[in-house]
Amino acid sequence: MLTVFGTTAVALKFFYWFERRSKWMMLLFAVGSALTAAYSGLEEVYPITVIKGLWSMVALQRFYQRHLAETLHPWKGVINL
């Protein structure tokens, strides 16, 4: 069961490639990083746990900043004719 959890956690990290397309892909990357940190903690690989935990916090911060930017300026990037 732990192998399935680890495989799922690492598979979610592939959303890093698509994070420019949508803020939700960035959130999925943050969740994947957090799950990878949890998996490495269960496997007792603590340096990876710390690194992936930090990556998760950075990705969550980037998601939040992008969410605020899109919420406060929903028409940014739209050409007015």
N, C-alpha and C. Protein backbone atom coordinates (compact mmCIF):
# COMPACT_ATOMS: atom_id res chain seq x y z
N MET A 1 0.82 -1.20 0.00
CA MET A 1 0.00 0.00 0.00
C MET A 1 0.87 1.26 0.00
N LEU A 2 2.01 1.17 0.68
CA LEU A 2 2.91 2.32 0.73
C LEU A 2 3.49 2.62 -0.64
N THR A 3 3.70 1.59 -1.45
CA THR A 3 4.22 1.79 -2.81
C THR A 3 3.20 2.52 -3.68
N VAL A 4 1.93 2.19 -3.54
CA VAL A 4 0.88 2.87 -4.31
C VAL A 4 0.82 4.35 -3.90
N PHE A 5 0.92 4.61 -2.61
CA PHE A 5 0.92 5.98 -2.12
C PHE A 5 2.11 6.75 -2.68
N GLY A 6 3.29 6.16 -2.66
CA GLY A 6 4.49 6.82 -3.18
C GLY A 6 4.41 7.06 -4.67
N THR A 7 3.89 6.11 -5.41
CA THR A 7 3.74 6.27 -6.85
C THR A 7 2.76 7.40 -7.18
N THR A 8 1.67 7.46 -6.45
CA THR A 8 0.70 8.53 -6.66
C THR A 8 1.29 9.89 -6.33
N ALA A 9 2.03 9.96 -5.23
CA ALA A 9 2.64 11.22 -4.82
C ALA A 9 3.63 11.72 -5.87
N VAL A 10 4.46 10.83 -6.36
CA VAL A 10 5.45 11.23 -7.36
C VAL A 10 4.77 11.57 -8.69
N ALA A 11 3.72 10.86 -9.04
CA ALA A 11 3.01 11.14 -10.30
C ALA A 11 2.39 12.53 -10.29
N LEU A 12 1.93 13.00 -9.15
CA LEU A 12 1.36 14.34 -9.06
C LEU A 12 2.40 15.43 -9.29
N LYS A 13 3.66 15.10 -9.10
CA LYS A 13 4.72 16.08 -9.29
C LYS A 13 4.91 16.42 -10.77
N PHE A 14 4.39 15.62 -11.66
CA PHE A 14 4.49 15.91 -13.09
C PHE A 14 3.67 17.13 -13.50
N PHE A 15 2.79 17.61 -12.63
CA PHE A 15 2.02 18.81 -12.92
C PHE A 15 2.89 20.06 -12.94
N TYR A 16 4.15 19.93 -12.52
CA TYR A 16 5.09 21.04 -12.60
C TYR A 16 5.23 21.54 -14.04
N TRP A 17 5.17 20.63 -14.99
CA TRP A 17 5.30 20.99 -16.40
C TRP A 17 4.13 21.84 -16.89
N PHE A 18 2.98 21.74 -16.25
CA PHE A 18 1.78 22.42 -16.71
C PHE A 18 1.38 23.60 -15.83
N GLU A 19 2.23 23.99 -14.88
CA GLU A 19 1.80 25.02 -13.93
C GLU A 19 1.63 26.39 -14.57
N ARG A 20 2.20 26.64 -15.72
CA ARG A 20 1.99 27.93 -16.38
C ARG A 20 0.61 28.01 -17.02
N ARG A 21 0.00 26.87 -17.27
CA ARG A 21 -1.31 26.87 -17.92
C ARG A 21 -2.44 27.26 -16.99
N SER A 22 -2.34 26.84 -15.73
CA SER A 22 -3.43 27.09 -14.80
C SER A 22 -2.89 27.14 -13.37
N LYS A 23 -3.52 27.96 -12.56
CA LYS A 23 -3.13 28.01 -11.15
C LYS A 23 -3.47 26.70 -10.44
N TRP A 24 -4.44 25.97 -10.96
CA TRP A 24 -4.83 24.70 -10.34
C TRP A 24 -3.76 23.63 -10.54
N MET A 25 -3.04 23.71 -11.65
CA MET A 25 -1.92 22.79 -11.85
C MET A 25 -0.82 23.07 -10.83
N MET A 26 -0.66 24.34 -10.50
CA MET A 26 0.32 24.71 -9.48
C MET A 26 -0.09 24.16 -8.12
N LEU A 27 -1.39 24.19 -7.84
CA LEU A 27 -1.88 23.63 -6.58
C LEU A 27 -1.68 22.12 -6.54
N LEU A 28 -1.93 21.45 -7.66
CA LEU A 28 -1.70 20.01 -7.70
C LEU A 28 -0.22 19.66 -7.51
N PHE A 29 0.66 20.50 -8.03
CA PHE A 29 2.09 20.30 -7.81
C PHE A 29 2.43 20.45 -6.32
N ALA A 30 1.82 21.43 -5.66
CA ALA A 30 2.05 21.63 -4.23
C ALA A 30 1.55 20.42 -3.43
N VAL A 31 0.39 19.90 -3.80
CA VAL A 31 -0.14 18.72 -3.13
C VAL A 31 0.78 17.52 -3.37
N GLY A 32 1.26 17.37 -4.60
CA GLY A 32 2.19 16.28 -4.90
C GLY A 32 3.47 16.39 -4.11
N SER A 33 3.96 17.60 -3.93
CA SER A 33 5.17 17.79 -3.12
C SER A 33 4.92 17.44 -1.66
N ALA A 34 3.76 17.84 -1.14
CA ALA A 34 3.43 17.52 0.25
C ALA A 34 3.27 16.01 0.44
N LEU A 35 2.64 15.35 -0.51
CA LEU A 35 2.48 13.90 -0.41
C LEU A 35 3.83 13.18 -0.52
N THR A 36 4.72 13.70 -1.37
CA THR A 36 6.05 13.12 -1.48
C THR A 36 6.82 13.31 -0.18
N ALA A 37 6.64 14.46 0.47
CA ALA A 37 7.28 14.68 1.76
C ALA A 37 6.75 13.69 2.80
N ALA A 38 5.44 13.47 2.79
CA ALA A 38 4.85 12.51 3.73
C ALA A 38 5.36 11.09 3.45
N TYR A 39 5.44 10.72 2.19
CA TYR A 39 5.93 9.40 1.82
C TYR A 39 7.38 9.21 2.25
N SER A 40 8.22 10.22 1.98
CA SER A 40 9.63 10.07 2.36
C SER A 40 9.78 10.06 3.88
N GLY A 41 8.88 10.73 4.59
CA GLY A 41 8.90 10.64 6.05
C GLY A 41 8.55 9.24 6.54
N LEU A 42 7.57 8.62 5.88
CA LEU A 42 7.21 7.25 6.24
C LEU A 42 8.32 6.26 5.93
N GLU A 43 9.08 6.56 4.90
CA GLU A 43 10.22 5.71 4.53
C GLU A 43 11.49 6.08 5.30
N GLU A 44 11.37 7.08 6.18
CA GLU A 44 12.46 7.55 7.04
C GLU A 44 13.65 8.10 6.26
N VAL A 45 13.34 8.83 5.18
CA VAL A 45 14.36 9.54 4.41
C VAL A 45 14.15 11.02 4.71
N TYR A 46 14.65 11.44 5.85
CA TYR A 46 14.30 12.75 6.39
C TYR A 46 14.85 13.94 5.60
N PRO A 47 16.03 13.86 4.99
CA PRO A 47 16.46 15.03 4.19
C PRO A 47 15.49 15.32 3.03
N ILE A 48 14.99 14.28 2.38
CA ILE A 48 14.03 14.46 1.29
C ILE A 48 12.71 15.01 1.84
N THR A 49 12.34 14.58 3.04
CA THR A 49 11.13 15.09 3.66
C THR A 49 11.20 16.60 3.84
N VAL A 50 12.33 17.07 4.31
CA VAL A 50 12.50 18.52 4.52
C VAL A 50 12.49 19.26 3.19
N ILE A 51 13.22 18.76 2.21
CA ILE A 51 13.30 19.43 0.91
C ILE A 51 11.94 19.49 0.23
N LYS A 52 11.23 18.37 0.20
CA LYS A 52 9.91 18.34 -0.45
C LYS A 52 8.89 19.16 0.34
N GLY A 53 9.03 19.22 1.65
CA GLY A 53 8.15 20.07 2.44
C GLY A 53 8.35 21.54 2.10
N LEU A 54 9.61 21.94 1.92
CA LEU A 54 9.89 23.32 1.52
C LEU A 54 9.36 23.61 0.12
N TRP A 55 9.54 22.66 -0.81
CA TRP A 55 9.01 22.84 -2.16
C TRP A 55 7.49 23.00 -2.12
N SER A 56 6.85 22.25 -1.26
CA SER A 56 5.39 22.35 -1.14
C SER A 56 4.97 23.73 -0.65
N MET A 57 5.68 24.27 0.33
CA MET A 57 5.35 25.59 0.84
C MET A 57 5.59 26.68 -0.21
N VAL A 58 6.67 26.55 -0.97
CA VAL A 58 6.94 27.52 -2.03
C VAL A 58 5.85 27.46 -3.10
N ALA A 59 5.45 26.24 -3.49
CA ALA A 59 4.42 26.09 -4.51
C ALA A 59 3.07 26.63 -4.01
N LEU A 60 2.76 26.42 -2.73
CA LEU A 60 1.52 26.97 -2.18
C LEU A 60 1.55 28.49 -2.17
N GLN A 61 2.70 29.07 -1.86
CA GLN A 61 2.83 30.52 -1.88
C GLN A 61 2.65 31.06 -3.30
N ARG A 62 3.24 30.38 -4.28
CA ARG A 62 3.09 30.80 -5.67
C ARG A 62 1.64 30.68 -6.13
N PHE A 63 0.97 29.60 -5.72
CA PHE A 63 -0.45 29.44 -6.05
C PHE A 63 -1.27 30.59 -5.46
N TYR A 64 -1.01 30.90 -4.19
CA TYR A 64 -1.77 31.96 -3.52
C TYR A 64 -1.54 33.31 -4.19
N GLN A 65 -0.29 33.61 -4.53
CA GLN A 65 0.00 34.88 -5.21
C GLN A 65 -0.67 34.95 -6.57
N ARG A 66 -0.65 33.85 -7.30
CA ARG A 66 -1.30 33.85 -8.62
C ARG A 66 -2.81 33.95 -8.47
N HIS A 67 -3.36 33.28 -7.48
CA HIS A 67 -4.80 33.35 -7.24
C HIS A 67 -5.23 34.78 -6.92
N LEU A 68 -4.46 35.46 -6.06
CA LEU A 68 -4.78 36.84 -5.75
C LEU A 68 -4.66 37.74 -6.97
N ALA A 69 -3.63 37.53 -7.78
CA ALA A 69 -3.45 38.35 -8.97
C ALA A 69 -4.59 38.15 -9.95
N GLU A 70 -5.04 36.92 -10.12
CA GLU A 70 -6.14 36.65 -11.05
C GLU A 70 -7.48 37.12 -10.48
N THR A 71 -7.62 37.11 -9.17
CA THR A 71 -8.87 37.55 -8.55
C THR A 71 -8.98 39.07 -8.57
N LEU A 72 -7.87 39.75 -8.27
CA LEU A 72 -7.91 41.21 -8.21
C LEU A 72 -7.87 41.85 -9.60
N HIS A 73 -7.25 41.19 -10.56
CA HIS A 73 -7.13 41.71 -11.92
C HIS A 73 -7.60 40.66 -12.92
N PRO A 74 -8.92 40.39 -12.95
CA PRO A 74 -9.39 39.30 -13.82
C PRO A 74 -9.24 39.59 -15.30
N TRP A 75 -9.11 40.85 -15.69
CA TRP A 75 -9.03 41.18 -17.11
C TRP A 75 -7.59 41.43 -17.56
N LYS A 76 -6.65 41.17 -16.70
CA LYS A 76 -5.25 41.40 -17.07
C LYS A 76 -4.88 40.48 -18.22
N GLY A 77 -4.30 41.05 -19.22
CA GLY A 77 -3.91 40.26 -20.39
C GLY A 77 -4.93 40.31 -21.51
N VAL A 78 -6.11 40.88 -21.26
CA VAL A 78 -7.13 41.00 -22.29
C VAL A 78 -6.89 42.30 -23.06
N ILE A 79 -6.90 42.24 -24.36
CA ILE A 79 -6.66 43.41 -25.19
C ILE A 79 -7.97 44.18 -25.36
N ASN A 80 -7.93 45.44 -25.01
CA ASN A 80 -9.11 46.31 -25.18
C ASN A 80 -9.01 46.99 -26.55
N LEU A 81 -10.01 46.81 -27.37
CA LEU A 81 -10.00 47.43 -28.70
C LEU A 81 -10.83 48.68 -28.72
